[in-house]
Amino acid sequence: MKRLTVFLALVFMLALSATAFAGEVAVLDEMYTDKDGDMVADFATDNCKDPSTLVFTYTPVEDPAVYKDAFADFQEYLSNVTGKRVIYYTVQSNAAEVEAMRSGKLHIAGFSTGPTGFAVNLAGYVPIAVKGYPDGFQGYNLVVVTKKDSPIKEMKDLKGKKVAHTSASSNSGNLAPRALFPELGLVPDQDYTVVYSGKHDQSILGVVHGDYDAAPVASDVYDRMIEAGRVDKDALRVIWRSPKFPTSSFGISSQLCPELAQKIIGAFMTYRFPKSMQDSFKGADRFYPITYKVDWKVIRDIADATGTSYNKAGLEAMAAKEAAKKKK
């Protein structure tokens, strides 16, 4: 118990350090409060929940059974630490996952990067970790690449050039550049010509072949292409790199009783992935502690710049998009 308390203290110290970030305030549903300014709901003190069975889920994917099996060992670990039965609840959409936590049917969850904001504001969700390694969390950066022998050496040199974005709906290939570049004095479609390549690898190859002057792409795609020998690292130059974008968050409902919440957080911090789970999650071997206020700021900035509001109207819009996608 003492060990768990130490890890819980670590997580909450990280959360409290987030209050140093000024300017942003929580926009939580009226059901929740944020007295400490960490942008997530305060843990319940009155009428908290101590269920006999804990319900866990992971972000909806095309084949839910794959990840249900992947988390089986972790669920057993959670059960041993908390002394409670832990079951897996399959959700059909991101919107349904948010609603399940808001209604109290879901206690522990992994939310995709974007929907995490809806879960925080509307469902009292408290993110505490992402998949990671001993030295940091699993994620990727937005990088801007150009040819090694190009006269383009910094972002301002892109003015007047032809720059490949991937597709209109791509986060790192289009939405993130449109959100982050204006702060660098560079507005896509105004300061440079945007050409859609279709995919990250096509953007990279297009730069190599001289079809585009530069391209913003996901760092993990860029790294894989170099490792696979599809691109010569010496042929390209990275002129800018964004803060790291986190992958899916993991966390708990703020309505759980403090003692139970402490045990669950302790389980996340002490658990180590078995090899089968590492294989499922690209080598990650643990849950790495994060805070929503600090580590999700880049995601909130992108959402704000692209007109995404983490409110009920925004959730309804996301639900409509998910339904339309399923029909196709």
Protein backbone atom coordinates (compact mmCIF):
# COMPACT_ATOMS: atom_id res chain seq x y z
CA MET A 1 0.00 0.00 0.00
CA LYS A 2 2.88 2.32 0.82
CA ARG A 3 4.36 1.66 -2.63
CA LEU A 4 1.07 2.53 -4.28
CA THR A 5 0.83 5.72 -2.26
CA VAL A 6 4.26 6.81 -3.48
CA PHE A 7 3.27 6.31 -7.10
CA LEU A 8 -0.03 8.11 -6.56
CA ALA A 9 1.85 11.01 -5.02
CA LEU A 10 4.11 11.12 -8.09
CA VAL A 11 1.13 11.34 -10.42
CA PHE A 12 -0.55 14.07 -8.42
CA MET A 13 2.71 16.03 -8.12
CA LEU A 14 2.88 16.00 -11.91
CA ALA A 15 -0.71 17.17 -12.03
CA LEU A 16 -0.06 20.01 -9.62
CA SER A 17 2.97 21.12 -11.62
CA ALA A 18 0.64 21.66 -14.54
CA THR A 19 -0.90 24.64 -12.75
CA ALA A 20 2.18 26.61 -13.75
CA PHE A 21 0.72 26.78 -17.27
CA ALA A 22 -1.27 29.99 -17.35
CA GLY A 23 -3.95 31.12 -19.76
CA GLU A 24 -6.05 27.98 -20.21
CA VAL A 25 -8.95 27.04 -17.97
CA ALA A 26 -11.11 23.94 -17.85
CA VAL A 27 -14.41 23.95 -19.73
CA LEU A 28 -15.99 21.08 -17.83
CA ASP A 29 -19.62 20.05 -17.81
CA GLU A 30 -21.61 21.48 -14.90
CA MET A 31 -21.54 18.03 -13.26
CA TYR A 32 -17.86 18.53 -12.44
CA THR A 33 -15.53 21.00 -10.73
CA ASP A 34 -11.86 21.88 -11.18
CA LYS A 35 -10.77 23.62 -7.98
CA ASP A 36 -7.04 22.93 -8.40
CA GLY A 37 -6.81 24.26 -11.98
CA ASP A 38 -5.41 21.09 -13.58
CA MET A 39 -8.13 21.14 -16.29
CA VAL A 40 -9.68 17.81 -15.24
CA ALA A 41 -12.53 17.04 -12.86
CA ASP A 42 -11.79 16.92 -9.14
CA PHE A 43 -12.12 13.47 -7.59
CA ALA A 44 -15.40 12.91 -5.82
CA THR A 45 -15.49 13.19 -2.04
CA ASP A 46 -19.24 12.90 -1.46
CA ASN A 47 -21.33 10.14 -3.04
CA CYS A 48 -18.27 8.55 -4.61
CA LYS A 49 -18.52 5.16 -6.31
CA ASP A 50 -16.99 1.92 -5.03
CA PRO A 51 -18.39 -0.73 -7.42
CA SER A 52 -17.90 -4.43 -6.79
CA THR A 53 -17.05 -4.88 -10.49
CA LEU A 54 -14.79 -2.50 -12.42
CA VAL A 55 -15.50 -1.96 -16.10
CA PHE A 56 -12.57 -1.35 -18.44
CA THR A 57 -12.39 -0.64 -22.17
CA TYR A 58 -10.00 0.51 -24.86
CA THR A 59 -10.71 2.89 -27.72
CA PRO A 60 -12.94 1.32 -30.40
CA VAL A 61 -11.09 -0.35 -33.25
CA GLU A 62 -12.07 -2.38 -36.29
CA ASP A 63 -11.40 -5.67 -34.49
CA PRO A 64 -12.20 -5.17 -30.77
CA ALA A 65 -11.34 -8.79 -29.90
CA VAL A 66 -7.66 -8.13 -30.64
CA TYR A 67 -7.31 -5.56 -27.89
CA LYS A 68 -9.66 -7.32 -25.51
CA ASP A 69 -7.16 -10.19 -25.54
CA ALA A 70 -4.18 -7.82 -25.40
CA PHE A 71 -5.37 -6.29 -22.11
CA ALA A 72 -6.36 -9.59 -20.45
CA ASP A 73 -3.17 -9.78 -18.37
CA PHE A 74 -3.51 -6.15 -17.27
CA GLN A 75 -7.12 -6.74 -16.23
CA GLU A 76 -5.98 -9.64 -14.05
CA TYR A 77 -3.33 -7.39 -12.50
CA LEU A 78 -5.95 -4.69 -11.83
CA SER A 79 -8.14 -7.29 -10.17
CA ASN A 80 -5.31 -8.48 -7.91
CA VAL A 81 -4.40 -4.93 -6.86
CA THR A 82 -7.95 -3.70 -6.26
CA GLY A 83 -9.48 -6.93 -4.99
CA LYS A 84 -12.35 -6.46 -7.43
CA ARG A 85 -13.64 -8.23 -10.50
CA VAL A 86 -12.58 -6.44 -13.73
CA ILE A 87 -14.50 -6.96 -16.96
CA TYR A 88 -13.95 -5.69 -20.51
CA TYR A 89 -16.74 -3.68 -22.12
CA THR A 90 -16.60 -3.37 -25.91
CA VAL A 91 -17.68 0.06 -27.20
CA GLN A 92 -18.79 0.66 -30.77
CA SER A 93 -17.69 4.29 -31.17
CA ASN A 94 -15.70 7.05 -29.48
CA ALA A 95 -18.93 8.91 -28.69
CA ALA A 96 -20.39 5.79 -27.06
CA GLU A 97 -17.24 5.43 -24.93
CA VAL A 98 -17.60 9.01 -23.67
CA GLU A 99 -21.28 8.46 -22.87
CA ALA A 100 -20.51 5.20 -21.04
CA MET A 101 -18.13 6.96 -18.66
CA ARG A 102 -20.43 9.95 -18.23
CA SER A 103 -23.30 7.65 -17.23
CA GLY A 104 -21.15 5.76 -14.72
CA LYS A 105 -21.12 2.47 -16.64
CA LEU A 106 -17.39 2.74 -17.42
CA HIS A 107 -14.72 3.20 -14.74
CA ILE A 108 -11.33 2.70 -16.40
CA ALA A 109 -10.56 3.37 -20.07
CA GLY A 110 -8.19 4.05 -22.88
CA PHE A 111 -9.40 6.93 -25.09
CA SER A 112 -8.01 7.86 -28.51
CA THR A 113 -5.95 11.05 -28.61
CA GLY A 114 -8.63 13.36 -30.02
CA PRO A 115 -11.67 12.05 -28.09
CA THR A 116 -9.73 12.33 -24.82
CA GLY A 117 -10.76 16.01 -24.68
CA PHE A 118 -14.46 15.11 -24.92
CA ALA A 119 -14.08 12.51 -22.15
CA VAL A 120 -12.33 15.03 -19.89
CA ASN A 121 -14.84 17.84 -20.36
CA LEU A 122 -18.07 15.85 -20.57
CA ALA A 123 -17.50 12.62 -18.66
CA GLY A 124 -15.28 13.48 -15.70
CA TYR A 125 -12.44 11.42 -17.15
CA VAL A 126 -8.98 11.87 -15.59
CA PRO A 127 -6.12 10.81 -17.93
CA ILE A 128 -3.14 9.48 -15.99
CA ALA A 129 -0.94 7.62 -18.48
CA VAL A 130 -0.07 6.67 -22.03
CA LYS A 131 1.82 3.68 -23.35
CA GLY A 132 5.53 4.26 -23.06
CA TYR A 133 9.07 3.31 -22.15
CA PRO A 134 11.42 3.94 -19.19
CA ASP A 135 12.47 7.32 -20.62
CA GLY A 136 9.23 8.70 -22.02
CA PHE A 137 5.82 8.14 -23.52
CA GLN A 138 4.98 6.65 -26.89
CA GLY A 139 4.11 9.25 -29.49
CA TYR A 140 5.23 10.97 -32.65
CA ASN A 141 6.17 14.42 -33.90
CA LEU A 142 5.22 16.48 -36.89
CA VAL A 143 8.41 17.08 -38.88
CA VAL A 144 8.98 19.26 -41.92
CA VAL A 145 11.37 17.73 -44.45
CA THR A 146 13.09 19.18 -47.50
CA LYS A 147 15.94 18.01 -49.73
CA LYS A 148 19.38 18.12 -48.17
CA ASP A 149 20.74 20.35 -50.94
CA SER A 150 17.71 22.66 -50.91
CA PRO A 151 18.17 26.36 -50.05
CA ILE A 152 15.31 25.90 -47.56
CA LYS A 153 16.95 25.77 -44.15
CA GLU A 154 14.25 27.12 -41.82
CA MET A 155 10.50 27.55 -41.81
CA LYS A 156 10.45 31.12 -43.10
CA ASP A 157 12.17 29.87 -46.27
CA LEU A 158 8.95 28.02 -47.21
CA LYS A 159 7.28 31.27 -48.26
CA GLY A 160 6.35 31.14 -51.91
CA LYS A 161 7.16 27.42 -52.17
CA LYS A 162 5.11 24.33 -53.07
CA VAL A 163 4.52 22.24 -49.94
CA ALA A 164 2.89 18.81 -49.81
CA HIS A 165 0.19 18.18 -47.21
CA THR A 166 -1.19 14.64 -47.14
CA SER A 167 -5.00 14.90 -47.13
CA ALA A 168 -7.60 17.35 -45.84
CA SER A 169 -8.62 15.11 -42.89
CA SER A 170 -5.12 14.11 -41.78
CA ASN A 171 -4.12 15.37 -38.33
CA SER A 172 -0.33 15.46 -38.67
CA GLY A 173 -0.41 15.82 -42.46
CA ASN A 174 -2.77 18.82 -42.66
CA LEU A 175 -4.69 19.90 -39.55
CA ALA A 176 -1.63 20.19 -37.31
CA PRO A 177 0.35 22.29 -39.83
CA ARG A 178 -2.63 24.62 -40.25
CA ALA A 179 -2.88 24.96 -36.46
CA LEU A 180 0.80 25.25 -35.57
CA PHE A 181 2.48 27.01 -38.49
CA PRO A 182 0.77 30.43 -38.09
CA GLU A 183 2.55 30.82 -34.75
CA LEU A 184 5.77 30.47 -36.74
CA GLY A 185 4.70 33.24 -39.11
CA LEU A 186 3.64 30.85 -41.85
CA VAL A 187 0.03 30.45 -43.01
CA PRO A 188 -0.67 27.50 -45.35
CA ASP A 189 -2.40 28.48 -48.63
CA GLN A 190 -1.34 32.09 -48.09
CA ASP A 191 2.41 31.98 -47.54
CA TYR A 192 2.96 28.81 -49.55
CA THR A 193 1.00 26.68 -52.01
CA VAL A 194 -0.55 23.53 -50.54
CA VAL A 195 -0.58 20.43 -52.75
CA TYR A 196 -2.23 17.26 -51.41
CA SER A 197 -0.11 14.15 -51.94
CA GLY A 198 -2.52 11.59 -50.51
CA LYS A 199 -0.17 9.92 -47.99
CA HIS A 200 2.82 10.65 -45.78
CA ASP A 201 5.14 8.36 -47.71
CA GLN A 202 4.10 9.98 -50.99
CA SER A 203 4.87 13.40 -49.54
CA ILE A 204 8.34 12.22 -48.49
CA LEU A 205 9.10 10.56 -51.82
CA GLY A 206 7.77 13.63 -53.63
CA VAL A 207 10.28 15.82 -51.81
CA VAL A 208 13.09 13.39 -52.64
CA HIS A 209 12.13 13.44 -56.34
CA GLY A 210 11.74 17.20 -56.45
CA ASP A 211 7.95 17.25 -56.94
CA TYR A 212 7.53 19.34 -53.77
CA ASP A 213 9.83 21.80 -52.06
CA ALA A 214 8.97 20.47 -48.59
CA ALA A 215 6.41 18.43 -46.66
CA PRO A 216 5.06 18.19 -43.10
CA VAL A 217 4.83 14.48 -42.19
CA ALA A 218 4.53 12.17 -39.19
CA SER A 219 7.94 11.37 -37.74
CA ASP A 220 7.13 7.68 -37.25
CA VAL A 221 6.40 7.26 -40.96
CA TYR A 222 9.59 9.14 -41.87
CA ASP A 223 11.67 7.00 -39.48
CA ARG A 224 10.18 3.74 -40.79
CA MET A 225 10.94 4.71 -44.40
CA ILE A 226 14.56 5.40 -43.52
CA GLU A 227 14.89 2.15 -41.53
CA ALA A 228 13.38 0.19 -44.42
CA GLY A 229 15.79 1.78 -46.89
CA ARG A 230 13.02 3.41 -48.92
CA VAL A 231 14.62 6.81 -48.36
CA ASP A 232 18.26 7.78 -47.90
CA LYS A 233 18.52 9.79 -44.69
CA ASP A 234 21.33 11.85 -46.21
CA ALA A 235 19.02 12.96 -49.03
CA LEU A 236 16.70 14.89 -46.70
CA ARG A 237 16.86 17.59 -44.03
CA VAL A 238 14.44 18.05 -41.13
CA ILE A 239 14.00 21.81 -40.66
CA TRP A 240 11.36 21.76 -37.90
CA ARG A 241 9.97 19.35 -35.32
CA SER A 242 6.80 19.79 -33.24
CA PRO A 243 6.27 18.82 -29.61
CA LYS A 244 5.48 15.13 -29.28
CA PHE A 245 1.87 14.14 -29.97
CA PRO A 246 0.69 11.55 -27.41
CA THR A 247 -1.05 8.34 -28.35
CA SER A 248 -4.20 7.03 -26.64
CA SER A 249 -4.62 8.10 -23.02
CA PHE A 250 -5.49 5.82 -20.12
CA GLY A 251 -7.30 6.96 -17.03
CA ILE A 252 -10.20 6.67 -14.62
CA SER A 253 -13.53 8.19 -13.71
CA SER A 254 -13.30 11.06 -11.24
CA GLN A 255 -16.38 9.65 -9.51
CA LEU A 256 -14.53 6.68 -8.01
CA CYS A 257 -13.83 6.75 -4.28
CA PRO A 258 -10.33 8.06 -3.41
CA GLU A 259 -9.02 4.80 -1.92
CA LEU A 260 -10.10 2.82 -4.97
CA ALA A 261 -8.73 5.48 -7.34
CA GLN A 262 -5.41 5.28 -5.50
CA LYS A 263 -5.22 1.52 -6.01
CA ILE A 264 -6.05 1.77 -9.73
CA ILE A 265 -3.47 4.50 -10.35
CA GLY A 266 -0.91 2.43 -8.45
CA ALA A 267 -1.68 -0.55 -10.69
CA PHE A 268 -1.09 1.53 -13.82
CA MET A 269 2.24 2.81 -12.51
CA THR A 270 3.62 -0.56 -11.35
CA TYR A 271 2.42 -2.81 -14.19
CA ARG A 272 4.90 -3.97 -16.85
CA PHE A 273 3.72 -5.26 -20.20
CA PRO A 274 4.33 -8.94 -21.01
CA LYS A 275 5.96 -9.65 -24.38
CA SER A 276 2.63 -10.32 -26.08
CA MET A 277 1.40 -6.89 -25.04
CA GLN A 278 4.66 -5.24 -26.11
CA ASP A 279 4.22 -6.82 -29.54
CA SER A 280 0.69 -5.39 -29.76
CA PHE A 281 1.86 -1.87 -28.87
CA LYS A 282 5.05 -1.34 -30.86
CA GLY A 283 7.48 -2.19 -28.08
CA ALA A 284 5.93 -0.10 -25.29
CA ASP A 285 6.55 -1.87 -21.98
CA ARG A 286 4.66 0.21 -19.43
CA PHE A 287 2.12 2.94 -18.73
CA TYR A 288 3.98 6.25 -18.57
CA PRO A 289 2.53 9.02 -16.32
CA ILE A 290 1.18 12.15 -18.03
CA THR A 291 -1.09 15.08 -17.26
CA TYR A 292 -3.87 16.34 -19.48
CA LYS A 293 -2.99 19.99 -18.96
CA VAL A 294 0.63 19.67 -20.05
CA ASP A 295 0.84 16.68 -22.40
CA TRP A 296 -2.42 17.28 -24.27
CA LYS A 297 -1.82 20.99 -24.88
CA VAL A 298 -0.62 20.50 -28.47
CA ILE A 299 -3.76 18.44 -29.18
CA ARG A 300 -6.01 21.13 -27.67
CA ASP A 301 -4.22 23.79 -29.74
CA ILE A 302 -4.91 21.83 -32.92
CA ALA A 303 -8.54 21.31 -31.95
CA ASP A 304 -8.97 25.01 -31.21
CA ALA A 305 -7.36 26.08 -34.48
CA THR A 306 -9.48 23.68 -36.51
CA GLY A 307 -12.78 24.59 -34.84
CA THR A 308 -13.25 21.49 -32.69
CA SER A 309 -15.00 22.25 -29.39
CA TYR A 310 -14.93 19.67 -26.62
CA ASN A 311 -18.58 20.23 -25.69
CA LYS A 312 -21.91 18.44 -26.25
CA ALA A 313 -22.33 19.94 -29.73
CA GLY A 314 -18.83 18.80 -30.66
CA LEU A 315 -19.54 15.30 -29.33
CA GLU A 316 -22.73 15.13 -31.39
CA ALA A 317 -20.77 16.20 -34.47
CA MET A 318 -18.18 13.48 -33.81
CA ALA A 319 -20.96 10.90 -33.35
CA ALA A 320 -22.52 11.94 -36.66
CA LYS A 321 -19.18 11.56 -38.45
CA GLU A 322 -18.63 8.13 -36.92
CA ALA A 323 -22.12 7.01 -37.98
CA ALA A 324 -21.58 8.29 -41.53
CA LYS A 325 -18.24 6.47 -41.72
CA LYS A 326 -19.85 3.18 -40.63
CA LYS A 327 -22.51 3.49 -43.34
CA LYS A 328 -19.79 3.74 -45.98
